[in-house]
Protein backbone atom coordinates (compact mmCIF):
# COMPACT_ATOMS: atom_id res chain seq x y z
CA MET A 1 20.65 9.42 -6.67
CA GLU A 2 23.08 7.56 -9.04
CA GLU A 3 21.25 5.60 -11.79
CA PRO A 4 23.01 2.25 -10.20
CA SER A 5 21.78 3.37 -7.06
CA ALA A 6 18.31 4.02 -8.42
CA ARG A 7 17.99 0.36 -10.30
CA LEU A 8 18.82 -1.09 -7.17
CA VAL A 9 16.21 1.22 -5.86
CA TRP A 10 13.57 -0.08 -8.56
CA ARG A 11 14.39 -3.45 -7.96
CA ASP A 12 13.82 -3.52 -3.78
CA TRP A 13 10.23 -2.11 -4.42
CA ILE A 14 8.86 -4.69 -7.06
CA LEU A 15 10.37 -7.11 -4.31
CA ALA A 16 8.78 -5.03 -1.46
CA SER A 17 5.61 -4.75 -3.31
CA CYS A 18 5.05 -8.64 -4.02
CA LEU A 19 5.29 -9.49 -0.65
CA SER A 20 2.99 -6.78 0.27
CA ALA A 21 0.37 -8.07 -1.63
CA VAL A 22 1.09 -11.85 -0.91
CA ILE A 23 1.42 -10.93 3.27
CA GLY A 24 -0.32 -8.06 3.29
CA VAL A 25 -3.13 -8.47 0.92
CA GLY A 26 -3.28 -12.24 1.31
CA THR A 27 -3.72 -12.29 4.33
CA ALA A 28 -5.91 -9.39 4.73
CA THR A 29 -8.13 -11.60 1.88
CA VAL A 30 -7.94 -14.67 3.54
CA ALA A 31 -9.02 -13.24 7.20
CA GLY A 32 -12.14 -11.29 5.30
CA VAL A 33 -12.91 -14.74 3.60
CA ALA A 34 -12.96 -16.27 7.11
CA LEU A 35 -15.04 -13.88 8.87
CA PHE A 36 -17.70 -13.67 6.13
CA ARG A 37 -17.73 -17.81 6.46
CA PHE A 38 -18.18 -17.94 9.89
CA PHE A 39 -19.43 -14.77 12.13
CA GLY A 40 -22.15 -12.66 12.43
CA PRO A 41 -24.25 -10.38 12.48
CA HIS A 42 -23.39 -8.94 9.27
CA TRP A 43 -22.24 -5.45 9.94
CA PHE A 44 -19.65 -7.30 12.49
CA ARG A 45 -18.20 -9.00 9.27
CA TYR A 46 -17.89 -6.49 7.24
CA ALA A 47 -16.88 -4.00 10.29
CA ALA A 48 -14.54 -6.85 11.12
CA SER A 49 -12.30 -7.80 7.32
CA PHE A 50 -11.97 -3.34 6.83
CA VAL A 51 -9.52 -3.68 10.38
CA ALA A 52 -8.45 -6.06 8.51
CA PHE A 53 -7.23 -4.52 5.87
CA THR A 54 -6.50 -0.78 6.97
CA VAL A 55 -4.67 -2.89 9.64
CA VAL A 56 -2.90 -5.97 8.94
CA ASN A 57 -2.26 -4.63 5.18
CA ALA A 58 -1.59 -0.83 5.57
CA GLY A 59 0.95 -2.44 8.31
CA VAL A 60 2.94 -4.54 5.97
CA THR A 61 2.68 -2.31 3.51
CA ALA A 62 4.20 0.63 4.70
CA THR A 63 6.51 -2.01 6.73
CA LEU A 64 8.18 -2.54 3.71
CA GLN A 65 7.71 0.57 1.55
CA TYR A 66 10.06 2.20 4.18
CA ARG A 67 12.65 -0.70 4.26
CA VAL A 68 12.99 0.69 0.87
CA LEU A 69 12.81 4.28 1.16
CA VAL A 70 15.09 4.47 3.45
CA ALA A 71 17.73 3.43 1.11
CA PRO A 72 17.60 6.83 -1.74
CA LEU A 73 15.60 9.15 1.62
CA PRO A 74 17.17 8.98 4.49
CA TYR A 75 15.85 11.21 6.79
CA LEU A 76 12.53 10.34 6.51
CA HIS A 77 10.29 9.49 9.09
CA ARG A 78 9.64 5.99 9.92
CA ASN A 79 6.55 6.47 12.19
CA GLN A 80 5.32 9.38 9.54
CA TRP A 81 5.43 7.35 6.55
CA VAL A 82 3.55 4.45 8.66
CA LEU A 83 0.74 6.83 10.25
CA SER A 84 0.41 8.62 7.10
CA THR A 85 0.29 5.07 5.50
CA LEU A 86 -2.66 4.25 7.82
CA LEU A 87 -4.50 7.38 7.89
CA GLY A 88 -4.83 6.51 4.03
CA SER A 89 -6.20 3.41 4.39
CA ILE A 90 -8.79 4.10 6.87
CA LEU A 91 -9.68 7.00 5.00
CA THR A 92 -10.08 5.81 1.61
CA TRP A 93 -12.06 2.39 3.13
CA SER A 94 -14.43 4.62 5.15
CA ALA A 95 -14.66 6.53 1.61
CA ALA A 96 -15.52 3.06 -0.05
CA PHE A 97 -18.02 2.03 2.51
CA LEU A 98 -20.06 5.35 2.79
CA THR A 99 -20.79 5.27 -1.36
CA PRO A 100 -24.56 4.55 -2.61
CA PHE A 101 -23.00 0.62 -3.68
CA ALA A 102 -22.86 0.13 0.06
CA GLU A 103 -25.68 1.43 0.92
CA ASP A 104 -26.78 -2.41 1.88
CA LEU A 105 -23.89 -3.75 3.46
CA LEU A 106 -25.05 -3.37 6.84
CA SER A 107 -28.05 -5.73 5.95
CA ASP A 108 -28.55 -9.52 4.97
CA GLY A 109 -28.32 -10.32 1.10
CA ALA A 110 -26.18 -7.66 0.33
CA SER A 111 -24.56 -7.64 -3.11
CA GLU A 112 -22.08 -8.07 -4.23
CA TRP A 113 -20.46 -4.34 -5.41
CA TRP A 114 -16.65 -4.44 -5.17
CA LEU A 115 -16.76 -7.12 -6.96
CA THR A 116 -17.71 -5.86 -10.86
CA GLN A 117 -14.70 -4.90 -13.46
CA GLU A 118 -16.25 -1.27 -13.29
CA THR A 119 -16.49 -0.51 -9.29
CA SER A 120 -12.86 -2.45 -8.50
CA ILE A 121 -10.99 0.10 -11.19
CA ALA A 122 -13.05 2.60 -9.69
CA LEU A 123 -12.18 1.45 -5.84
CA GLY A 124 -8.16 1.79 -6.91
CA VAL A 125 -7.99 4.71 -8.25
CA GLY A 126 -9.87 5.81 -4.86
CA LEU A 127 -7.50 3.73 -3.25
CA GLY A 128 -4.20 4.16 -4.96
CA PHE A 129 -5.03 8.56 -4.36
CA GLY A 130 -5.46 8.27 -1.24
CA MET A 131 -3.24 6.62 0.66
CA GLY A 132 -0.64 8.49 -2.37
CA LEU A 133 -2.23 11.86 -0.91
CA ALA A 134 -1.58 10.68 2.57
CA GLN A 135 1.75 9.32 2.19
CA MET A 136 2.30 12.63 -0.02
CA MET A 137 2.26 14.95 3.29
CA ALA A 138 5.60 12.01 4.54
CA LEU A 139 7.01 13.58 1.56
CA ILE A 140 7.28 16.62 0.84
CA GLU A 141 9.62 17.86 3.29
CA TRP A 142 11.99 15.64 1.28
CA VAL A 143 11.64 15.63 -1.97
CA ARG A 144 10.71 17.36 -5.48
CA ASP A 145 7.47 17.00 -7.00
CA PRO A 146 5.43 14.77 -4.34
CA TRP A 147 2.24 15.17 -6.17
CA LYS A 148 3.92 12.22 -8.52
CA TRP A 149 4.19 10.28 -5.97
CA VAL A 150 -0.20 10.64 -6.08
CA VAL A 151 -0.30 9.97 -9.89
CA GLY A 152 2.03 6.72 -9.44
CA SER A 153 0.32 5.62 -6.85
CA THR A 154 -3.50 6.11 -8.38
CA LEU A 155 -2.55 4.56 -12.07
CA ALA A 156 -0.81 1.56 -10.03
CA TRP A 157 -3.75 0.53 -8.60
CA ALA A 158 -6.11 1.40 -10.62
CA VAL A 159 -4.69 -1.23 -13.02
CA ALA A 160 -3.73 -3.34 -9.85
CA THR A 161 -7.20 -3.51 -7.93
CA PRO A 162 -8.85 -5.84 -10.53
CA ALA A 163 -6.45 -8.84 -9.97
CA LEU A 164 -6.92 -8.24 -6.42
CA TRP A 165 -10.83 -8.61 -6.59
CA TYR A 166 -10.56 -11.65 -8.69
CA VAL A 167 -8.65 -13.41 -5.90
CA ALA A 168 -11.25 -11.98 -2.96
CA ARG A 169 -13.74 -14.27 -5.19
CA GLU A 170 -11.62 -16.86 -5.63
CA ILE A 171 -10.90 -17.33 -2.33
CA GLY A 172 -14.64 -16.86 -1.07
CA SER A 173 -15.60 -20.00 -3.93
CA ASP A 174 -16.85 -23.67 -2.24
CA GLU A 175 -13.43 -23.97 -3.21
CA PRO A 176 -10.89 -22.07 -1.62
CA LEU A 177 -8.07 -24.51 -1.46
CA ARG A 178 -8.43 -24.93 -4.67
CA ALA A 179 -8.30 -21.42 -5.92
CA LEU A 180 -5.13 -20.43 -3.68
CA PRO A 181 -2.73 -21.52 -6.41
CA LEU A 182 -4.61 -19.61 -8.62
CA ALA A 183 -5.12 -16.32 -6.00
CA ALA A 184 -1.14 -16.44 -5.40
CA GLY A 185 -0.07 -16.21 -9.30
CA LEU A 186 -2.09 -13.43 -9.24
CA LEU A 187 -1.17 -11.59 -6.27
CA LEU A 188 2.00 -11.50 -7.38
CA LEU A 189 1.06 -10.32 -10.48
CA ALA A 190 -0.55 -7.31 -9.31
CA GLY A 191 2.32 -6.77 -6.78
CA VAL A 192 5.11 -6.61 -9.86
CA VAL A 193 2.44 -4.20 -11.60
CA VAL A 194 2.10 -1.95 -8.77
CA GLY A 195 6.74 -2.37 -7.91
CA LEU A 196 6.88 -1.50 -11.48
CA ILE A 197 4.90 1.98 -11.44
CA GLU A 198 5.73 3.39 -7.87
CA GLY A 199 8.96 1.71 -8.30
CA PHE A 200 9.10 4.23 -11.57
CA VAL A 201 8.18 7.11 -9.53
CA VAL A 202 10.71 6.61 -6.81
CA ARG A 203 13.56 6.25 -8.51
CA SER A 204 12.53 9.63 -10.44
CA LEU A 205 12.09 11.30 -6.99
CA GLY A 206 15.09 13.96 -6.56
CA HIS A 207 15.84 15.39 -3.26
CA ARG A 208 14.19 18.63 -2.33
CA ASP A 209 17.95 20.06 -0.73
CA GLU A 210 20.95 18.16 -2.26
CA ALA A 211 22.68 21.31 -0.13
CA ALA A 212 21.31 20.49 3.10
CA ILE A 213 20.90 16.50 2.73
CA GLN A 214 24.63 16.57 2.79
CA TYR A 215 24.72 19.13 4.91
CA THR A 216 23.24 17.06 7.51
CA ARG A 217 24.75 14.08 6.68
CA SER A 218 28.17 15.54 7.53
CA ALA A 219 27.26 17.25 10.91
CA LEU A 220 25.90 13.12 11.61
CA ASP A 221 28.84 11.94 11.32
CA GLU A 222 31.01 14.71 13.08
CA ILE A 223 28.84 14.15 15.85
CA GLY A 224 28.88 10.88 15.53
CA SER A 225 33.01 11.15 15.51
CA ILE A 226 33.60 13.19 18.63
CA ASP A 227 35.05 11.16 21.29
CA LEU A 228 33.24 10.86 24.30
CA GLY A 229 35.20 9.07 26.42
CA ASP A 230 37.59 11.79 28.05
């Protein structure tokens, strides 16, 4: 990518990350808290919040990310990117719920182990690594050194996740409406952090084979210029 284009991609990635945090994480958090407040039994609330975070958040995140990635990587498959993001999210959250910390999640009075600083960072590392590894599978065909994406995703979510879980704790407090402005600000901050780190990686990803991509682009342009009217 040329440098001006790389800067634009970085800017767009930060914007997409902020929207993903506010829309995806925010919606999933509100849904999860609402389920915890109003529904039972205990296992149903966790199962439903699991679905909210894996499907809603992963779907929003993957869609927004793809809209940015398609500029530097025009041949990246949308369905492959969305499915890999969804798979990474499901596997990561499944692993989190199977850890020793989660042994009491199916019983009433479960401890809020994910709200501690240490476990939220560990969860962020796991989430970033799992999502990054799954998404890397969609990037291998098109970029050089796709492992950089795993590193960037892991670092970004390790830094941002504590803020996201602080949001969950505040919204789950006795006065959730008063916590919404602070929660929205923290979500935007987390989005900026993720966008800065992941965006730096995105702008540094080089095409695996520039000649092959140029050939494919030229071939597609020639096909598109064929007059089918005769």
